[in-house]
PDB file of N, CA and C in Angstrom:
ATOM      1  N   MET A   1     -14.642 119.902 -47.383  1.00  0.00           N
ATOM      2  CA  MET A   1     -13.942 119.389 -46.580  1.00  0.00           C
ATOM      3  C   MET A   1     -14.054 119.676 -45.350  1.00  0.00           C
ATOM      4  N   THR A   2     -13.959 118.547 -44.440  1.00  0.00           N
ATOM      5  CA  THR A   2     -14.152 118.856 -42.989  1.00  0.00           C
ATOM      6  C   THR A   2     -12.594 118.878 -42.240  1.00  0.00           C
ATOM      7  N   SER A   3     -12.559 119.663 -41.251  1.00  0.00           N
ATOM      8  CA  SER A   3     -11.139 120.034 -40.649  1.00  0.00           C
ATOM      9  C   SER A   3     -11.346 119.148 -39.353  1.00  0.00           C
ATOM     10  N   VAL A   4     -10.418 118.578 -38.744  1.00  0.00           N
ATOM     11  CA  VAL A   4     -10.152 117.690 -37.683  1.00  0.00           C
ATOM     12  C   VAL A   4      -9.308 118.422 -36.718  1.00  0.00           C
ATOM     13  N   SER A   5      -9.945 118.803 -35.383  1.00  0.00           N
ATOM     14  CA  SER A   5      -8.928 119.578 -34.448  1.00  0.00           C
ATOM     15  C   SER A   5      -8.704 118.733 -33.299  1.00  0.00           C
ATOM     16  N   THR A   6      -7.557 118.825 -32.746  1.00  0.00           N
ATOM     17  CA  THR A   6      -7.129 118.302 -31.885  1.00  0.00           C
ATOM     18  C   THR A   6      -7.517 118.693 -30.511  1.00  0.00           C
ATOM     19  N   PRO A   7      -8.235 118.000 -29.461  1.00  0.00           N
ATOM     20  CA  PRO A   7      -8.751 118.396 -28.316  1.00  0.00           C
ATOM     21  C   PRO A   7      -7.447 119.162 -27.606  1.00  0.00           C
ATOM     22  N   CYS A   8      -8.090 120.240 -26.737  1.00  0.00           N
ATOM     23  CA  CYS A   8      -7.389 120.910 -26.012  1.00  0.00           C
ATOM     24  C   CYS A   8      -7.003 120.370 -24.816  1.00  0.00           C
ATOM     25  N   PRO A   9      -5.771 120.317 -23.928  1.00  0.00           N
ATOM     26  CA  PRO A   9      -5.970 119.798 -22.837  1.00  0.00           C
ATOM     27  C   PRO A   9      -6.409 120.285 -21.539  1.00  0.00           C
ATOM     28  N   THR A  10      -7.316 119.930 -20.804  1.00  0.00           N
ATOM     29  CA  THR A  10      -7.944 120.625 -19.816  1.00  0.00           C
ATOM     30  C   THR A  10      -7.004 120.681 -18.689  1.00  0.00           C
ATOM     31  N   THR A  11      -6.008 120.050 -18.648  1.00  0.00           N
ATOM     32  CA  THR A  11      -4.966 120.312 -17.236  1.00  0.00           C
ATOM     33  C   THR A  11      -3.614 120.124 -17.930  1.00  0.00           C
ATOM     34  N   ILE A  12      -2.787 120.898 -17.437  1.00  0.00           N
ATOM     35  CA  ILE A  12      -1.252 120.829 -17.533  1.00  0.00           C
ATOM     36  C   ILE A  12      -0.545 119.836 -16.894  1.00  0.00           C
ATOM     37  N   ASP A  13       0.074 118.890 -17.151  1.00  0.00           N
ATOM     38  CA  ASP A  13       0.925 118.109 -16.475  1.00  0.00           C
ATOM     39  C   ASP A  13       2.199 118.514 -16.101  1.00  0.00           C
ATOM     40  N   VAL A  14       2.611 119.672 -15.596  1.00  0.00           N
ATOM     41  CA  VAL A  14       3.805 120.156 -15.039  1.00  0.00           C
ATOM     42  C   VAL A  14       4.163 120.093 -13.796  1.00  0.00           C
ATOM     43  N   VAL A  15       5.332 119.611 -13.556  1.00  0.00           N
ATOM     44  CA  VAL A  15       5.671 119.113 -12.331  1.00  0.00           C
ATOM     45  C   VAL A  15       6.631 120.088 -11.704  1.00  0.00           C
ATOM     46  N   PRO A  16       6.305 120.828 -10.624  1.00  0.00           N
ATOM     47  CA  PRO A  16       7.104 122.291 -10.392  1.00  0.00           C
ATOM     48  C   PRO A  16       8.363 121.718  -9.927  1.00  0.00           C
ATOM     49  N   GLU A  17       9.492 122.798 -10.231  1.00  0.00           N
ATOM     50  CA  GLU A  17      10.653 122.394  -9.608  1.00  0.00           C
ATOM     51  C   GLU A  17      10.636 122.743  -8.296  1.00  0.00           C
ATOM     52  N   PRO A  18      11.641 121.935  -7.508  1.00  0.00           N
ATOM     53  CA  PRO A  18      11.790 122.367  -6.248  1.00  0.00           C
ATOM     54  C   PRO A  18      12.257 123.676  -5.969  1.00  0.00           C
ATOM     55  N   THR A  19      12.004 124.595  -5.053  1.00  0.00           N
ATOM     56  CA  THR A  19      12.651 125.799  -5.085  1.00  0.00           C
ATOM     57  C   THR A  19      14.155 125.765  -4.472  1.00  0.00           C
ATOM     58  N   ASP A  20      15.027 126.472  -4.844  1.00  0.00           N
ATOM     59  CA  ASP A  20      16.345 126.396  -4.077  1.00  0.00           C
ATOM     60  C   ASP A  20      16.374 127.253  -3.020  1.00  0.00           C
ATOM     61  N   TRP A  21      15.474 128.106  -2.659  1.00  0.00           N
ATOM     62  CA  TRP A  21      15.533 128.910  -1.515  1.00  0.00           C
ATOM     63  C   TRP A  21      14.392 128.726  -0.607  1.00  0.00           C
ATOM     64  N   LEU A  22      14.569 128.862   0.853  1.00  0.00           N
ATOM     65  CA  LEU A  22      13.605 128.319   1.724  1.00  0.00           C
ATOM     66  C   LEU A  22      13.610 129.645   2.605  1.00  0.00           C
ATOM     67  N   THR A  23      12.373 129.724   3.206  1.00  0.00           N
ATOM     68  CA  THR A  23      12.122 130.673   4.359  1.00  0.00           C
ATOM     69  C   THR A  23      12.586 130.258   5.605  1.00  0.00           C
ATOM     70  N   VAL A  24      12.871 131.336   6.556  1.00  0.00           N
ATOM     71  CA  VAL A  24      13.434 130.802   7.974  1.00  0.00           C
ATOM     72  C   VAL A  24      12.477 129.740   8.375  1.00  0.00           C
ATOM     73  N   ARG A  25      11.297 130.037   8.124  1.00  0.00           N
ATOM     74  CA  ARG A  25      10.013 128.951   8.823  1.00  0.00           C
ATOM     75  C   ARG A  25      10.277 127.585   8.070  1.00  0.00           C
ATOM     76  N   GLU A  26      10.196 127.637   6.697  1.00  0.00           N
ATOM     77  CA  GLU A  26      10.856 126.385   6.280  1.00  0.00           C
ATOM     78  C   GLU A  26      11.889 125.468   6.542  1.00  0.00           C
ATOM     79  N   ALA A  27      13.007 126.284   6.516  1.00  0.00           N
ATOM     80  CA  ALA A  27      14.572 125.669   7.202  1.00  0.00           C
ATOM     81  C   ALA A  27      14.320 125.169   8.711  1.00  0.00           C
ATOM     82  N   ALA A  28      13.488 125.793   9.478  1.00  0.00           N
ATOM     83  CA  ALA A  28      13.160 125.449  10.596  1.00  0.00           C
ATOM     84  C   ALA A  28      12.617 124.132  10.886  1.00  0.00           C
ATOM     85  N   THR A  29      11.454 123.987   9.836  1.00  0.00           N
ATOM     86  CA  THR A  29      10.901 122.883   9.853  1.00  0.00           C
ATOM     87  C   THR A  29      11.571 121.492   9.397  1.00  0.00           C
ATOM     88  N   LEU A  30      12.440 121.730   8.415  1.00  0.00           N
ATOM     89  CA  LEU A  30      13.193 120.762   8.045  1.00  0.00           C
ATOM     90  C   LEU A  30      14.238 120.399   8.956  1.00  0.00           C
ATOM     91  N   LEU A  31      14.703 121.335   9.755  1.00  0.00           N
ATOM     92  CA  LEU A  31      16.054 120.909  10.706  1.00  0.00           C
ATOM     93  C   LEU A  31      14.803 120.452  12.195  1.00  0.00           C
ATOM     94  N   GLY A  32      13.915 121.002  12.291  1.00  0.00           N
ATOM     95  CA  GLY A  32      13.383 120.388  13.590  1.00  0.00           C
ATOM     96  C   GLY A  32      13.668 121.290  14.447  1.00  0.00           C
ATOM     97  N   LEU A  33      13.865 122.336  14.156  1.00  0.00           N
ATOM     98  CA  LEU A  33      14.440 123.531  15.074  1.00  0.00           C
ATOM     99  C   LEU A  33      13.084 124.603  15.067  1.00  0.00           C
ATOM    100  N   THR A  34      13.217 125.586  15.835  1.00  0.00           N
ATOM    101  CA  THR A  34      12.640 126.977  15.744  1.00  0.00           C
ATOM    102  C   THR A  34      13.176 128.029  14.824  1.00  0.00           C
ATOM    103  N   LYS A  35      12.114 128.892  14.830  1.00  0.00           N
ATOM    104  CA  LYS A  35      12.632 129.912  13.799  1.00  0.00           C
ATOM    105  C   LYS A  35      13.924 130.708  14.595  1.00  0.00           C
ATOM    106  N   GLU A  36      13.759 131.002  15.526  1.00  0.00           N
ATOM    107  CA  GLU A  36      14.785 131.844  16.489  1.00  0.00           C
ATOM    108  C   GLU A  36      15.919 130.986  16.580  1.00  0.00           C
ATOM    109  N   THR A  37      15.981 129.722  16.579  1.00  0.00           N
ATOM    110  CA  THR A  37      17.257 128.967  16.644  1.00  0.00           C
ATOM    111  C   THR A  37      17.941 128.953  15.344  1.00  0.00           C
ATOM    112  N   VAL A  38      17.266 128.972  14.230  1.00  0.00           N
ATOM    113  CA  VAL A  38      17.638 129.142  12.824  1.00  0.00           C
ATOM    114  C   VAL A  38      18.343 130.570  12.710  1.00  0.00           C
ATOM    115  N   ALA A  39      17.599 131.536  12.997  1.00  0.00           N
ATOM    116  CA  ALA A  39      18.069 132.934  13.074  1.00  0.00           C
ATOM    117  C   ALA A  39      19.592 132.783  13.757  1.00  0.00           C
ATOM    118  N   ARG A  40      19.166 132.219  15.028  1.00  0.00           N
ATOM    119  CA  ARG A  40      20.734 132.218  15.770  1.00  0.00           C
ATOM    120  C   ARG A  40      21.954 131.445  15.134  1.00  0.00           C
ATOM    121  N   LEU A  41      21.720 130.647  14.458  1.00  0.00           N
ATOM    122  CA  LEU A  41      22.667 129.724  13.501  1.00  0.00           C
ATOM    123  C   LEU A  41      23.082 130.597  12.538  1.00  0.00           C
ATOM    124  N   GLY A  42      22.311 131.418  12.119  1.00  0.00           N
ATOM    125  CA  GLY A  42      22.672 132.514  10.836  1.00  0.00           C
ATOM    126  C   GLY A  42      23.509 133.486  11.386  1.00  0.00           C
ATOM    127  N   ARG A  43      23.168 134.134  12.856  1.00  0.00           N
ATOM    128  CA  ARG A  43      24.214 135.025  13.340  1.00  0.00           C
ATOM    129  C   ARG A  43      25.313 134.511  13.511  1.00  0.00           C
ATOM    130  N   ARG A  44      25.666 133.186  14.106  1.00  0.00           N
ATOM    131  CA  ARG A  44      26.924 132.751  14.351  1.00  0.00           C
ATOM    132  C   ARG A  44      27.710 132.316  13.254  1.00  0.00           C
ATOM    133  N   GLY A  45      26.950 132.170  11.986  1.00  0.00           N
ATOM    134  CA  GLY A  45      27.663 131.867  10.896  1.00  0.00           C
ATOM    135  C   GLY A  45      27.677 130.314  10.449  1.00  0.00           C
ATOM    136  N   GLU A  46      26.673 129.703  11.479  1.00  0.00           N
ATOM    137  CA  GLU A  46      26.786 128.157  11.075  1.00  0.00           C
ATOM    138  C   GLU A  46      25.960 127.848  10.011  1.00  0.00           C
ATOM    139  N   LEU A  47      24.993 128.730   9.627  1.00  0.00           N
ATOM    140  CA  LEU A  47      24.092 128.605   8.494  1.00  0.00           C
ATOM    141  C   LEU A  47      23.963 129.812   7.627  1.00  0.00           C
ATOM    142  N   PRO A  48      24.234 129.864   6.557  1.00  0.00           N
ATOM    143  CA  PRO A  48      24.560 131.173   5.756  1.00  0.00           C
ATOM    144  C   PRO A  48      22.972 131.281   5.203  1.00  0.00           C
ATOM    145  N   ILE A  49      22.614 132.687   5.675  1.00  0.00           N
ATOM    146  CA  ILE A  49      21.394 133.530   5.370  1.00  0.00           C
ATOM    147  C   ILE A  49      21.580 134.594   4.516  1.00  0.00           C
ATOM    148  N   ASP A  50      20.939 134.580   3.577  1.00  0.00           N
ATOM    149  CA  ASP A  50      20.703 135.675   2.571  1.00  0.00           C
ATOM    150  C   ASP A  50      19.721 136.569   2.739  1.00  0.00           C
ATOM    151  N   ARG A  51      20.058 137.916   3.237  1.00  0.00           N
ATOM    152  CA  ARG A  51      19.005 139.053   3.442  1.00  0.00           C
ATOM    153  C   ARG A  51      18.779 139.710   2.373  1.00  0.00           C
ATOM    154  N   PRO A  52      17.689 139.491   1.494  1.00  0.00           N
ATOM    155  CA  PRO A  52      17.552 140.470   0.138  1.00  0.00           C
ATOM    156  C   PRO A  52      16.976 141.787   0.905  1.00  0.00           C
ATOM    157  N   GLY A  53      16.383 141.976   1.676  1.00  0.00           N
ATOM    158  CA  GLY A  53      15.622 143.053   2.090  1.00  0.00           C
ATOM    159  C   GLY A  53      15.734 143.159   3.915  1.00  0.00           C
ATOM    160  N   PRO A  54      15.184 144.271   4.288  1.00  0.00           N
ATOM    161  CA  PRO A  54      15.530 144.378   5.714  1.00  0.00           C
ATOM    162  C   PRO A  54      14.747 143.644   6.617  1.00  0.00           C
ATOM    163  N   ARG A  55      13.411 143.049   5.926  1.00  0.00           N
ATOM    164  CA  ARG A  55      12.682 142.262   7.054  1.00  0.00           C
ATOM    165  C   ARG A  55      12.519 140.854   6.047  1.00  0.00           C
ATOM    166  N   SER A  56      13.344 140.316   5.170  1.00  0.00           N
ATOM    167  CA  SER A  56      13.052 139.156   4.725  1.00  0.00           C
ATOM    168  C   SER A  56      14.453 138.284   4.580  1.00  0.00           C
ATOM    169  N   ALA A  57      14.344 137.104   4.746  1.00  0.00           N
ATOM    170  CA  ALA A  57      15.697 136.215   4.905  1.00  0.00           C
ATOM    171  C   ALA A  57      15.534 134.785   4.139  1.00  0.00           C
ATOM    172  N   ARG A  58      16.233 134.461   3.384  1.00  0.00           N
ATOM    173  CA  ARG A  58      16.227 133.388   2.499  1.00  0.00           C
ATOM    174  C   ARG A  58      17.370 132.489   2.652  1.00  0.00           C
ATOM    175  N   ILE A  59      17.136 131.137   2.832  1.00  0.00           N
ATOM    176  CA  ILE A  59      18.371 130.242   3.061  1.00  0.00           C
ATOM    177  C   ILE A  59      18.514 128.949   1.835  1.00  0.00           C
ATOM    178  N   ARG A  60      19.393 128.809   1.478  1.00  0.00           N
ATOM    179  CA  ARG A  60      19.432 127.886   0.335  1.00  0.00           C
ATOM    180  C   ARG A  60      19.075 126.212   0.663  1.00  0.00           C
ATOM    181  N   ARG A  61      18.647 125.665   0.076  1.00  0.00           N
ATOM    182  CA  ARG A  61      18.042 124.458   0.497  1.00  0.00           C
ATOM    183  C   ARG A  61      19.484 123.494   0.592  1.00  0.00           C
ATOM    184  N   SER A  62      20.489 123.694  -0.225  1.00  0.00           N
ATOM    185  CA  SER A  62      21.444 123.033  -0.169  1.00  0.00           C
ATOM    186  C   SER A  62      22.306 123.410   1.073  1.00  0.00           C
ATOM    187  N   ASP A  63      22.330 124.586   1.585  1.00  0.00           N
ATOM    188  CA  ASP A  63      23.065 124.958   2.816  1.00  0.00           C
ATOM    189  C   ASP A  63      22.559 124.354   3.832  1.00  0.00           C
ATOM    190  N   VAL A  64      21.019 124.188   4.052  1.00  0.00           N
ATOM    191  CA  VAL A  64      20.212 123.240   5.049  1.00  0.00           C
ATOM    192  C   VAL A  64      20.735 121.782   5.013  1.00  0.00           C
ATOM    193  N   ASP A  65      20.850 121.295   3.849  1.00  0.00           N
ATOM    194  CA  ASP A  65      21.475 120.016   3.581  1.00  0.00           C
ATOM    195  C   ASP A  65      22.901 119.672   4.106  1.00  0.00           C
ATOM    196  N   ALA A  66      23.528 120.830   3.820  1.00  0.00           N
ATOM    197  CA  ALA A  66      25.039 120.661   4.494  1.00  0.00           C
ATOM    198  C   ALA A  66      24.932 120.767   5.734  1.00  0.00           C
ATOM    199  N   TYR A  67      24.306 121.606   6.212  1.00  0.00           N
ATOM    200  CA  TYR A  67      24.333 121.872   7.954  1.00  0.00           C
ATOM    201  C   TYR A  67      23.805 120.393   8.520  1.00  0.00           C
ATOM    202  N   ILE A  68      22.850 119.770   7.976  1.00  0.00           N
ATOM    203  CA  ILE A  68      22.415 118.494   8.217  1.00  0.00           C
ATOM    204  C   ILE A  68      23.357 117.534   8.377  1.00  0.00           C
ATOM    205  N   ASP A  69      24.075 117.561   7.099  1.00  0.00           N
ATOM    206  CA  ASP A  69      25.221 116.512   7.016  1.00  0.00           C
ATOM    207  C   ASP A  69      26.377 116.641   7.875  1.00  0.00           C
ATOM    208  N   SER A  70      26.900 117.935   8.301  1.00  0.00           N
ATOM    209  CA  SER A  70      27.767 118.578   9.428  1.00  0.00           C
ATOM    210  C   SER A  70      27.459 118.020  10.748  1.00  0.00           C
ATOM    211  N   CYS A  71      26.201 117.527  11.082  1.00  0.00           N
ATOM    212  CA  CYS A  71      25.910 117.263  12.376  1.00  0.00           C
ATOM    213  C   CYS A  71      25.715 115.956  12.489  1.00  0.00           C
ATOM    214  N   ARG A  72      25.783 115.249  11.503  1.00  0.00           N
ATOM    215  CA  ARG A  72      25.693 113.980  11.654  1.00  0.00           C
ATOM    216  C   ARG A  72      26.925 113.168  12.252  1.00  0.00           C
ATOM    217  N   ILE A  73      26.650 112.121  13.147  1.00  0.00           N
ATOM    218  CA  ILE A  73      27.541 111.519  14.004  1.00  0.00           C
ATOM    219  C   ILE A  73      27.624 110.042  13.409  1.00  0.00           C
ATOM    220  N   GLU A  74      29.139 109.563  13.015  1.00  0.00           N
ATOM    221  CA  GLU A  74      29.373 108.361  12.573  1.00  0.00           C
ATOM    222  C   GLU A  74      29.048 107.478  13.597  1.00  0.00           C
ATOM    223  N   PRO A  75      28.376 106.224  13.325  1.00  0.00           N
ATOM    224  CA  PRO A  75      28.018 105.165  13.852  1.00  0.00           C
ATOM    225  C   PRO A  75      29.407 104.587  14.900  1.00  0.00           C
ATOM    226  N   GLY A  76      29.132 104.456  15.916  1.00  0.00           N
ATOM    227  CA  GLY A  76      30.380 103.770  16.822  1.00  0.00           C
ATOM    228  C   GLY A  76      31.220 104.954  17.425  1.00  0.00           C
ATOM    229  N   THR A  77      31.039 106.177  16.992  1.00  0.00           N
ATOM    230  CA  THR A  77      32.018 106.986  17.594  1.00  0.00           C
ATOM    231  C   THR A  77      31.773 107.642  18.913  1.00  0.00           C
ATOM    232  N   LEU A  78      30.482 107.346  19.461  1.00  0.00           N
ATOM    233  CA  LEU A  78      30.311 108.049  20.473  1.00  0.00           C
ATOM    234  C   LEU A  78      30.357 107.106  21.819  1.00  0.00           C
ATOM    235  N   GLY A  79      30.732 105.809  21.532  1.00  0.00           N
ATOM    236  CA  GLY A  79      30.978 104.853  22.826  1.00  0.00           C
ATOM    237  C   GLY A  79      29.378 104.562  23.234  1.00  0.00           C
ATOM    238  N   THR A  80      29.284 103.596  24.112  1.00  0.00           N
ATOM    239  CA  THR A  80      28.153 103.228  24.629  1.00  0.00           C
ATOM    240  C   THR A  80      28.107 103.453  26.149  1.00  0.00           C
ATOM    241  N   ARG A  81      26.873 103.391  26.646  1.00  0.00           N
ATOM    242  CA  ARG A  81      26.717 103.429  28.220  1.00  0.00           C
ATOM    243  C   ARG A  81      27.396 102.279  29.050  1.00  0.00           C
ATOM    244  N   ALA A  82      27.568 101.256  28.134  1.00  0.00           N
ATOM    245  CA  ALA A  82      28.344 100.062  28.725  1.00  0.00           C
ATOM    246  C   ALA A  82      29.823 100.205  28.969  1.00  0.00           C
ATOM    247  N   ASP A  83      30.319 101.121  27.647  1.00  0.00           N
ATOM    248  CA  ASP A  83      31.734 101.436  28.191  1.00  0.00           C
ATOM    249  C   ASP A  83      31.902 102.298  29.306  1.00  0.00           C
ATOM    250  N   ASP A  84      30.971 103.305  29.655  1.00  0.00           N
ATOM    251  CA  ASP A  84      31.044 104.045  30.497  1.00  0.00           C
ATOM    252  C   ASP A  84      30.994 103.431  31.982  1.00  0.00           C
ATOM    253  N   LEU A  85      30.187 102.516  32.141  1.00  0.00           N
ATOM    254  CA  LEU A  85      30.231 101.552  33.091  1.00  0.00           C
ATOM    255  C   LEU A  85      31.316 100.875  33.331  1.00  0.00           C
ATOM    256  N   ALA A  86      31.982 100.372  32.335  1.00  0.00           N
ATOM    257  CA  ALA A  86      33.017  99.281  32.510  1.00  0.00           C
ATOM    258  C   ALA A  86      34.441 100.220  32.924  1.00  0.00           C
ATOM    259  N   ALA A  87      34.229 101.424  32.629  1.00  0.00           N
ATOM    260  CA  ALA A  87      35.466 102.554  33.005  1.00  0.00           C
ATOM    261  C   ALA A  87      35.407 102.342  34.472  1.00  0.00           C
ATOM    262  N   GLY A  88      34.414 102.457  35.187  1.00  0.00           N
ATOM    263  CA  GLY A  88      34.168 102.485  36.495  1.00  0.00           C
ATOM    264  C   GLY A  88      33.978 104.089  36.742  1.00  0.00           C
ATOM    265  N   PRO A  89      33.786 104.665  37.916  1.00  0.00           N
ATOM    266  CA  PRO A  89      33.545 105.896  38.404  1.00  0.00           C
ATOM    267  C   PRO A  89      34.831 106.863  37.881  1.00  0.00           C
ATOM    268  N   GLY A  90      34.410 108.051  37.531  1.00  0.00           N
ATOM    269  CA  GLY A  90      35.497 108.894  37.019  1.00  0.00           C
ATOM    270  C   GLY A  90      36.314 109.492  38.318  1.00  0.00           C
ATOM    271  N   ASP A  91      37.349 110.217  38.007  1.00  0.00           N
ATOM    272  CA  ASP A  91      38.237 110.718  39.065  1.00  0.00           C
ATOM    273  C   ASP A  91      37.424 111.941  39.461  1.00  0.00           C
ATOM    274  N   THR A  92      37.221 112.320  41.072  1.00  0.00           N
ATOM    275  CA  THR A  92      36.631 113.204  41.627  1.00  0.00           C
ATOM    276  C   THR A  92      37.658 113.880  42.489  1.00  0.00           C
ATOM    277  N   ASP A  93      37.307 115.122  42.780  1.00  0.00           N
ATOM    278  CA  ASP A  93      38.107 115.837  43.704  1.00  0.00           C
ATOM    279  C   ASP A  93      37.916 115.456  45.098  1.00  0.00           C
ATOM    280  N   ASP A  94      36.908 114.609  45.566  1.00  0.00           N
ATOM    281  CA  ASP A  94      36.477 113.746  46.882  1.00  0.00           C
ATOM    282  C   ASP A  94      37.598 112.827  47.089  1.00  0.00           C
ATOM    283  N   ASP A  95      38.100 113.166  48.139  1.00  0.00           N
ATOM    284  CA  ASP A  95      39.155 111.881  48.509  1.00  0.00           C
ATOM    285  C   ASP A  95      38.838 111.134  49.521  1.00  0.00           C
ATOM    286  N   SER A  96      37.286 111.132  49.828  1.00  0.00           N
ATOM    287  CA  SER A  96      36.731 110.160  50.965  1.00  0.00           C
ATOM    288  C   SER A  96      36.872 108.683  50.674  1.00  0.00           C
ATOM    289  N   ASP A  97      36.929 108.291  49.350  1.00  0.00           N
ATOM    290  CA  ASP A  97      37.063 107.009  49.130  1.00  0.00           C
ATOM    291  C   ASP A  97      38.252 106.337  49.225  1.00  0.00           C
ATOM    292  N   ASP A  98      39.387 107.265  49.368  1.00  0.00           N
ATOM    293  CA  ASP A  98      40.554 106.689  49.796  1.00  0.00           C
ATOM    294  C   ASP A  98      40.754 106.163  51.157  1.00  0.00           C
ATOM    295  N   ASP A  99      40.135 106.554  52.294  1.00  0.00           N
ATOM    296  CA  ASP A  99      40.018 106.018  53.458  1.00  0.00           C
ATOM    297  C   ASP A  99      38.970 105.425  53.711  1.00  0.00           C
ATOM    298  N   PRO A 100      39.041 104.076  54.458  1.00  0.00           N
ATOM    299  CA  PRO A 100      38.207 103.223  54.667  1.00  0.00           C
ATOM    300  C   PRO A 100      37.320 103.827  55.834  1.00  0.00           C
ATOM    301  N   VAL A 101      36.151 103.617  55.990  1.00  0.00           N
ATOM    302  CA  VAL A 101      35.421 103.953  56.897  1.00  0.00           C
ATOM    303  C   VAL A 101      35.795 103.524  58.394  1.00  0.00           C
ATOM    304  N   GLY A 102      35.872 104.485  59.310  1.00  0.00           N
ATOM    305  CA  GLY A 102      36.444 103.906  60.741  1.00  0.00           C
ATOM    306  C   GLY A 102      37.930 103.886  60.575  1.00  0.00           C
ATOM    307  N   ALA A 103      38.587 104.202  59.760  1.00  0.00           N
ATOM    308  CA  ALA A 103      40.104 103.804  59.758  1.00  0.00           C
ATOM    309  C   ALA A 103      40.671 105.225  60.574  1.00  0.00           C
ATOM    310  N   ALA A 104      41.732 104.605  61.315  1.00  0.00           N
ATOM    311  CA  ALA A 104      42.371 105.758  62.179  1.00  0.00           C
ATOM    312  C   ALA A 104      43.214 106.628  61.476  1.00  0.00           C
ATOM    313  N   THR A 105      43.410 107.853  61.720  1.00  0.00           N
ATOM    314  CA  THR A 105      44.127 108.739  61.041  1.00  0.00           C
ATOM    315  C   THR A 105      45.324 109.203  61.913  1.00  0.00           C
TER     316      THR A 105
END
């Protein structure tokens, strides 16, 4: 009697799960910031940073995503340059515009 064996797979098709934790460098890359700025955000409490050891820091991907969402600006909330121009010059402390040139005082 002959036995039939199934071939062994030569590669394993496993999709790695995205990691939930990022290094400061990875977070900085996602945010388009420097590592120093990300560390500053952590010190200010704007971006939670976990410190499992004295020389290591990790940031949750979900916290980076939440920070990005908190920085988004709703369309139409900033106004436009045309709005600024239509409003005219702002009030200044310089009263020289109040008196026409050459007016008697």
